[in-house]
Amino acid sequence: MGERAVRWVAGGLAVVLVALLVAIGVVVTGQDDVDAGLTAAQRDVAGAARAEALAFLTVDHRGMDPLIDAVLSGATGGFAKQYASQRRTLTSEAVRTEATSTPEVVALGVGDQDDDSATVLVAANSTVTNASTGDDGQVRYYRLRLRLVREDDRWLTSDLQFVR
C-alpha cells in the first residue's frame, strides 16, 4: 500500500473515530478546552483519561523513570501491575533507540459512565523521534480506549488498549 493510500485510510479511520466519539458521548477537543456542557463527573473522568493518555504516550530516553511513575500514578489493578513489570524494558528500549514522543490529545469521548466506572476513547497524535527518524521526527496517530474506575475520590485507569 502506497503512502497516499495509508494517509487516506488513516484519515478515514480518524473520521470514523470522531463519529463514534460523537455517537457515544460528548467530544472534548483542544489541549485544555473542556466542553462546558460536560457534567462535573464527566469532566473528572475526561481529565483523568487525558492525563493518563498523555503520560502513557510520552517518552524521553533521557529520563524514563519520572514518565513511568506518572503513568503508574494514574493506574490501578492489572494495568498498573503489567505496566510496572515493563519498566526495565520500556527504559532500555527508549535508551537503545534514543526515542522521544511528545503527544497531544486531539479528541476525547466519554462513553459509558456510572458512579464507579467509565470508558473513554482518546484520539491522540504524537511527534516521535528516534535514531532512525532524525531530529524532525514523525507524527504518529493513536486511538486508545481507557477503562477507568473510581478509587476513593480519584479516577484511575484499570485498562488501556490501542483500538483501530
C-alpha atoms as a PDB file:
ATOM      1  CA  MET A   1       0.000   0.000   0.000  1.00  0.00           C
ATOM      2  CA  GLY A   2       1.438   3.357  -1.005  1.00  0.00           C
ATOM      3  CA  GLU A   3       1.940   6.304   1.316  1.00  0.00           C
ATOM      4  CA  ARG A   4      -1.043   8.128  -0.197  1.00  0.00           C
ATOM      5  CA  ALA A   5      -3.314   5.121   0.428  1.00  0.00           C
ATOM      6  CA  VAL A   6      -2.076   4.824   4.017  1.00  0.00           C
ATOM      7  CA  ARG A   7      -2.834   8.516   4.613  1.00  0.00           C
ATOM      8  CA  TRP A   8      -6.298   8.078   3.068  1.00  0.00           C
ATOM      9  CA  VAL A   9      -7.037   5.050   5.276  1.00  0.00           C
ATOM     10  CA  ALA A  10      -5.700   6.836   8.383  1.00  0.00           C
ATOM     11  CA  GLY A  11      -7.809   9.889   7.575  1.00  0.00           C
ATOM     12  CA  GLY A  12     -10.869   7.700   7.067  1.00  0.00           C
ATOM     13  CA  LEU A  13     -10.257   5.965  10.372  1.00  0.00           C
ATOM     14  CA  ALA A  14      -9.946   9.329  12.117  1.00  0.00           C
ATOM     15  CA  VAL A  15     -13.314  10.418  10.684  1.00  0.00           C
ATOM     16  CA  VAL A  16     -14.918   7.155  11.824  1.00  0.00           C
ATOM     17  CA  LEU A  17     -13.405   7.540  15.307  1.00  0.00           C
ATOM     18  CA  VAL A  18     -14.689  11.095  15.677  1.00  0.00           C
ATOM     19  CA  ALA A  19     -18.149   9.958  14.519  1.00  0.00           C
ATOM     20  CA  LEU A  20     -18.005   7.148  17.078  1.00  0.00           C
ATOM     21  CA  LEU A  21     -16.949   9.562  19.813  1.00  0.00           C
ATOM     22  CA  VAL A  22     -19.871  11.829  18.973  1.00  0.00           C
ATOM     23  CA  ALA A  23     -22.264   8.865  18.948  1.00  0.00           C
ATOM     24  CA  ILE A  24     -21.219   7.540  22.365  1.00  0.00           C
ATOM     25  CA  GLY A  25     -20.783  10.728  24.303  1.00  0.00           C
ATOM     26  CA  VAL A  26     -19.592  14.273  24.403  1.00  0.00           C
ATOM     27  CA  VAL A  27     -16.432  15.035  22.472  1.00  0.00           C
ATOM     28  CA  VAL A  28     -13.778  17.210  24.050  1.00  0.00           C
ATOM     29  CA  THR A  29     -11.302  18.900  21.713  1.00  0.00           C
ATOM     30  CA  GLY A  30      -8.232  21.008  22.206  1.00  0.00           C
ATOM     31  CA  GLN A  31      -5.498  20.521  24.746  1.00  0.00           C
ATOM     32  CA  ASP A  32      -7.149  22.488  27.549  1.00  0.00           C
ATOM     33  CA  ASP A  33     -10.600  23.082  26.113  1.00  0.00           C
ATOM     34  CA  VAL A  34     -13.207  21.095  28.044  1.00  0.00           C
ATOM     35  CA  ASP A  35     -16.781  21.392  26.808  1.00  0.00           C
ATOM     36  CA  ALA A  36     -18.757  23.495  29.288  1.00  0.00           C
ATOM     37  CA  GLY A  37     -21.718  21.141  28.716  1.00  0.00           C
ATOM     38  CA  LEU A  38     -19.973  18.251  30.439  1.00  0.00           C
ATOM     39  CA  THR A  39     -21.196  17.315  33.883  1.00  0.00           C
ATOM     40  CA  ALA A  40     -18.749  17.568  36.760  1.00  0.00           C
ATOM     41  CA  ALA A  41     -18.420  13.755  36.766  1.00  0.00           C
ATOM     42  CA  GLN A  42     -17.677  13.713  33.031  1.00  0.00           C
ATOM     43  CA  ARG A  43     -15.087  16.481  33.447  1.00  0.00           C
ATOM     44  CA  ASP A  44     -13.380  14.471  36.198  1.00  0.00           C
ATOM     45  CA  VAL A  45     -13.276  11.340  34.031  1.00  0.00           C
ATOM     46  CA  ALA A  46     -12.179  13.283  30.938  1.00  0.00           C
ATOM     47  CA  GLY A  47      -9.375  14.985  32.876  1.00  0.00           C
ATOM     48  CA  ALA A  48      -8.100  11.700  34.321  1.00  0.00           C
ATOM     49  CA  ALA A  49      -8.243   9.963  30.935  1.00  0.00           C
ATOM     50  CA  ARG A  50      -6.488  12.861  29.181  1.00  0.00           C
ATOM     51  CA  ALA A  51      -3.711  12.897  31.796  1.00  0.00           C
ATOM     52  CA  GLU A  52      -3.232   9.122  31.609  1.00  0.00           C
ATOM     53  CA  ALA A  53      -3.184   9.037  27.798  1.00  0.00           C
ATOM     54  CA  LEU A  54      -0.619  11.849  27.675  1.00  0.00           C
ATOM     55  CA  ALA A  55       1.530  10.174  30.336  1.00  0.00           C
ATOM     56  CA  PHE A  56       1.296   6.820  28.540  1.00  0.00           C
ATOM     57  CA  LEU A  57       2.322   8.248  25.172  1.00  0.00           C
ATOM     58  CA  THR A  58       5.155  10.464  26.466  1.00  0.00           C
ATOM     59  CA  VAL A  59       8.652   9.042  26.019  1.00  0.00           C
ATOM     60  CA  ASP A  60      12.028  10.620  26.653  1.00  0.00           C
ATOM     61  CA  HIS A  61      15.109   8.395  26.610  1.00  0.00           C
ATOM     62  CA  ARG A  62      16.951  10.922  28.786  1.00  0.00           C
ATOM     63  CA  GLY A  63      14.696  10.252  31.785  1.00  0.00           C
ATOM     64  CA  MET A  64      12.114   7.492  31.684  1.00  0.00           C
ATOM     65  CA  ASP A  65      11.622   6.897  35.422  1.00  0.00           C
ATOM     66  CA  PRO A  66       9.517  10.018  36.106  1.00  0.00           C
ATOM     67  CA  LEU A  67       7.465   9.309  32.965  1.00  0.00           C
ATOM     68  CA  ILE A  68       6.772   5.732  34.005  1.00  0.00           C
ATOM     69  CA  ASP A  69       5.913   6.945  37.519  1.00  0.00           C
ATOM     70  CA  ALA A  70       3.416   9.415  36.002  1.00  0.00           C
ATOM     71  CA  VAL A  71       1.616   6.563  34.219  1.00  0.00           C
ATOM     72  CA  LEU A  72       1.606   4.445  37.360  1.00  0.00           C
ATOM     73  CA  SER A  73       0.209   7.284  39.466  1.00  0.00           C
ATOM     74  CA  GLY A  74      -2.938   7.216  37.316  1.00  0.00           C
ATOM     75  CA  ALA A  75      -3.149   3.426  37.010  1.00  0.00           C
ATOM     76  CA  THR A  76      -4.641   0.623  39.079  1.00  0.00           C
ATOM     77  CA  GLY A  77      -5.229  -3.113  39.048  1.00  0.00           C
ATOM     78  CA  GLY A  78      -3.940  -5.302  36.254  1.00  0.00           C
ATOM     79  CA  PHE A  79      -2.953  -2.376  34.078  1.00  0.00           C
ATOM     80  CA  ALA A  80      -0.742  -0.941  36.833  1.00  0.00           C
ATOM     81  CA  LYS A  81       0.877  -4.328  37.501  1.00  0.00           C
ATOM     82  CA  GLN A  82       1.507  -5.039  33.834  1.00  0.00           C
ATOM     83  CA  TYR A  83       2.913  -1.561  33.148  1.00  0.00           C
ATOM     84  CA  ALA A  84       5.148  -1.650  36.245  1.00  0.00           C
ATOM     85  CA  SER A  85       6.522  -5.036  35.181  1.00  0.00           C
ATOM     86  CA  GLN A  86       7.658  -3.465  31.889  1.00  0.00           C
ATOM     87  CA  ARG A  87       9.653  -0.622  33.492  1.00  0.00           C
ATOM     88  CA  ARG A  88      13.074  -2.065  32.667  1.00  0.00           C
ATOM     89  CA  THR A  89      12.086  -2.944  29.074  1.00  0.00           C
ATOM     90  CA  LEU A  90      10.471   0.446  28.434  1.00  0.00           C
ATOM     91  CA  THR A  91      13.540   2.252  29.728  1.00  0.00           C
ATOM     92  CA  SER A  92      16.106   0.122  27.894  1.00  0.00           C
ATOM     93  CA  GLU A  93      14.227   0.352  24.573  1.00  0.00           C
ATOM     94  CA  ALA A  94      13.832   4.120  24.882  1.00  0.00           C
ATOM     95  CA  VAL A  95      17.554   4.495  25.589  1.00  0.00           C
ATOM     96  CA  ARG A  96      18.606   1.988  22.908  1.00  0.00           C
ATOM     97  CA  THR A  97      16.572   3.745  20.201  1.00  0.00           C
ATOM     98  CA  GLU A  98      17.119   7.298  21.556  1.00  0.00           C
ATOM     99  CA  ALA A  99      13.344   7.707  21.498  1.00  0.00           C
ATOM    100  CA  THR A 100      11.188  10.687  22.374  1.00  0.00           C
ATOM    101  CA  SER A 101       7.450  11.056  21.950  1.00  0.00           C
ATOM    102  CA  THR A 102       5.548  14.295  22.518  1.00  0.00           C
ATOM    103  CA  PRO A 103       1.781  13.675  22.410  1.00  0.00           C
ATOM    104  CA  GLU A 104      -1.320  15.822  22.197  1.00  0.00           C
ATOM    105  CA  VAL A 105      -4.922  14.755  22.675  1.00  0.00           C
ATOM    106  CA  VAL A 106      -6.973  15.836  19.668  1.00  0.00           C
ATOM    107  CA  ALA A 107     -10.341  14.322  20.670  1.00  0.00           C
ATOM    108  CA  LEU A 108     -11.763  12.576  23.678  1.00  0.00           C
ATOM    109  CA  GLY A 109     -15.161  10.978  24.195  1.00  0.00           C
ATOM    110  CA  VAL A 110     -16.655   9.876  27.494  1.00  0.00           C
ATOM    111  CA  GLY A 111     -18.740   6.775  26.792  1.00  0.00           C
ATOM    112  CA  ASP A 112     -20.394   4.571  29.351  1.00  0.00           C
ATOM    113  CA  GLN A 113     -20.136   6.049  32.811  1.00  0.00           C
ATOM    114  CA  ASP A 114     -21.638   5.324  36.179  1.00  0.00           C
ATOM    115  CA  ASP A 115     -20.600   6.249  39.718  1.00  0.00           C
ATOM    116  CA  ASP A 116     -17.691   3.787  39.797  1.00  0.00           C
ATOM    117  CA  SER A 117     -16.550   3.162  36.218  1.00  0.00           C
ATOM    118  CA  ALA A 118     -16.232   4.800  32.819  1.00  0.00           C
ATOM    119  CA  THR A 119     -14.995   4.099  29.317  1.00  0.00           C
ATOM    120  CA  VAL A 120     -13.203   6.837  27.400  1.00  0.00           C
ATOM    121  CA  LEU A 121     -11.962   6.889  23.810  1.00  0.00           C
ATOM    122  CA  VAL A 122      -8.984   9.102  23.089  1.00  0.00           C
ATOM    123  CA  ALA A 123      -7.566  10.226  19.745  1.00  0.00           C
ATOM    124  CA  ALA A 124      -4.003  11.488  20.104  1.00  0.00           C
ATOM    125  CA  ASN A 125      -1.155  12.439  17.833  1.00  0.00           C
ATOM    126  CA  SER A 126       2.450  12.258  18.871  1.00  0.00           C
ATOM    127  CA  THR A 127       5.645  13.538  17.340  1.00  0.00           C
ATOM    128  CA  VAL A 128       8.131  10.705  17.644  1.00  0.00           C
ATOM    129  CA  THR A 129      11.884  10.934  17.211  1.00  0.00           C
ATOM    130  CA  ASN A 130      14.396   8.136  17.443  1.00  0.00           C
ATOM    131  CA  ALA A 131      17.715   7.069  15.964  1.00  0.00           C
ATOM    132  CA  SER A 132      16.099   6.320  12.600  1.00  0.00           C
ATOM    133  CA  THR A 133      13.763   9.348  12.224  1.00  0.00           C
ATOM    134  CA  GLY A 134      16.277  12.140  12.676  1.00  0.00           C
ATOM    135  CA  ASP A 135      15.577  15.379  14.512  1.00  0.00           C
ATOM    136  CA  ASP A 136      12.386  16.219  12.610  1.00  0.00           C
ATOM    137  CA  GLY A 137      10.603  13.117  13.806  1.00  0.00           C
ATOM    138  CA  GLN A 138       7.401  11.603  12.533  1.00  0.00           C
ATOM    139  CA  VAL A 139       3.812  12.177  13.552  1.00  0.00           C
ATOM    140  CA  ARG A 140       2.067   9.030  14.757  1.00  0.00           C
ATOM    141  CA  TYR A 141      -1.668   8.682  15.261  1.00  0.00           C
ATOM    142  CA  TYR A 142      -3.006   6.773  18.253  1.00  0.00           C
ATOM    143  CA  ARG A 143      -6.503   5.736  19.217  1.00  0.00           C
ATOM    144  CA  LEU A 144      -6.921   4.455  22.763  1.00  0.00           C
ATOM    145  CA  ARG A 145      -9.741   3.020  24.846  1.00  0.00           C
ATOM    146  CA  LEU A 146      -9.305   3.575  28.566  1.00  0.00           C
ATOM    147  CA  ARG A 147     -11.403   1.935  31.227  1.00  0.00           C
ATOM    148  CA  LEU A 148     -11.372   3.931  34.423  1.00  0.00           C
ATOM    149  CA  VAL A 149     -12.550   3.030  37.910  1.00  0.00           C
ATOM    150  CA  ARG A 150     -13.207   5.277  40.854  1.00  0.00           C
ATOM    151  CA  GLU A 151     -10.994   4.546  43.847  1.00  0.00           C
ATOM    152  CA  ASP A 152     -11.675   6.804  46.781  1.00  0.00           C
ATOM    153  CA  ASP A 153     -12.038  10.203  45.117  1.00  0.00           C
ATOM    154  CA  ARG A 154      -9.826   9.515  42.086  1.00  0.00           C
ATOM    155  CA  TRP A 155     -10.461   8.106  38.633  1.00  0.00           C
ATOM    156  CA  LEU A 156      -7.715   5.595  37.789  1.00  0.00           C
ATOM    157  CA  THR A 157      -7.070   3.657  34.590  1.00  0.00           C
ATOM    158  CA  SER A 158      -7.659  -0.067  35.008  1.00  0.00           C
ATOM    159  CA  ASP A 159      -7.224  -0.946  31.332  1.00  0.00           C
ATOM    160  CA  LEU A 160      -5.742   0.809  28.315  1.00  0.00           C
ATOM    161  CA  GLN A 161      -5.877  -0.610  24.797  1.00  0.00           C
ATOM    162  CA  PHE A 162      -4.988   0.604  21.343  1.00  0.00           C
ATOM    163  CA  VAL A 163      -8.034   0.498  19.058  1.00  0.00           C
ATOM    164  CA  ARG A 164      -8.480   0.804  15.297  1.00  0.00           C
END
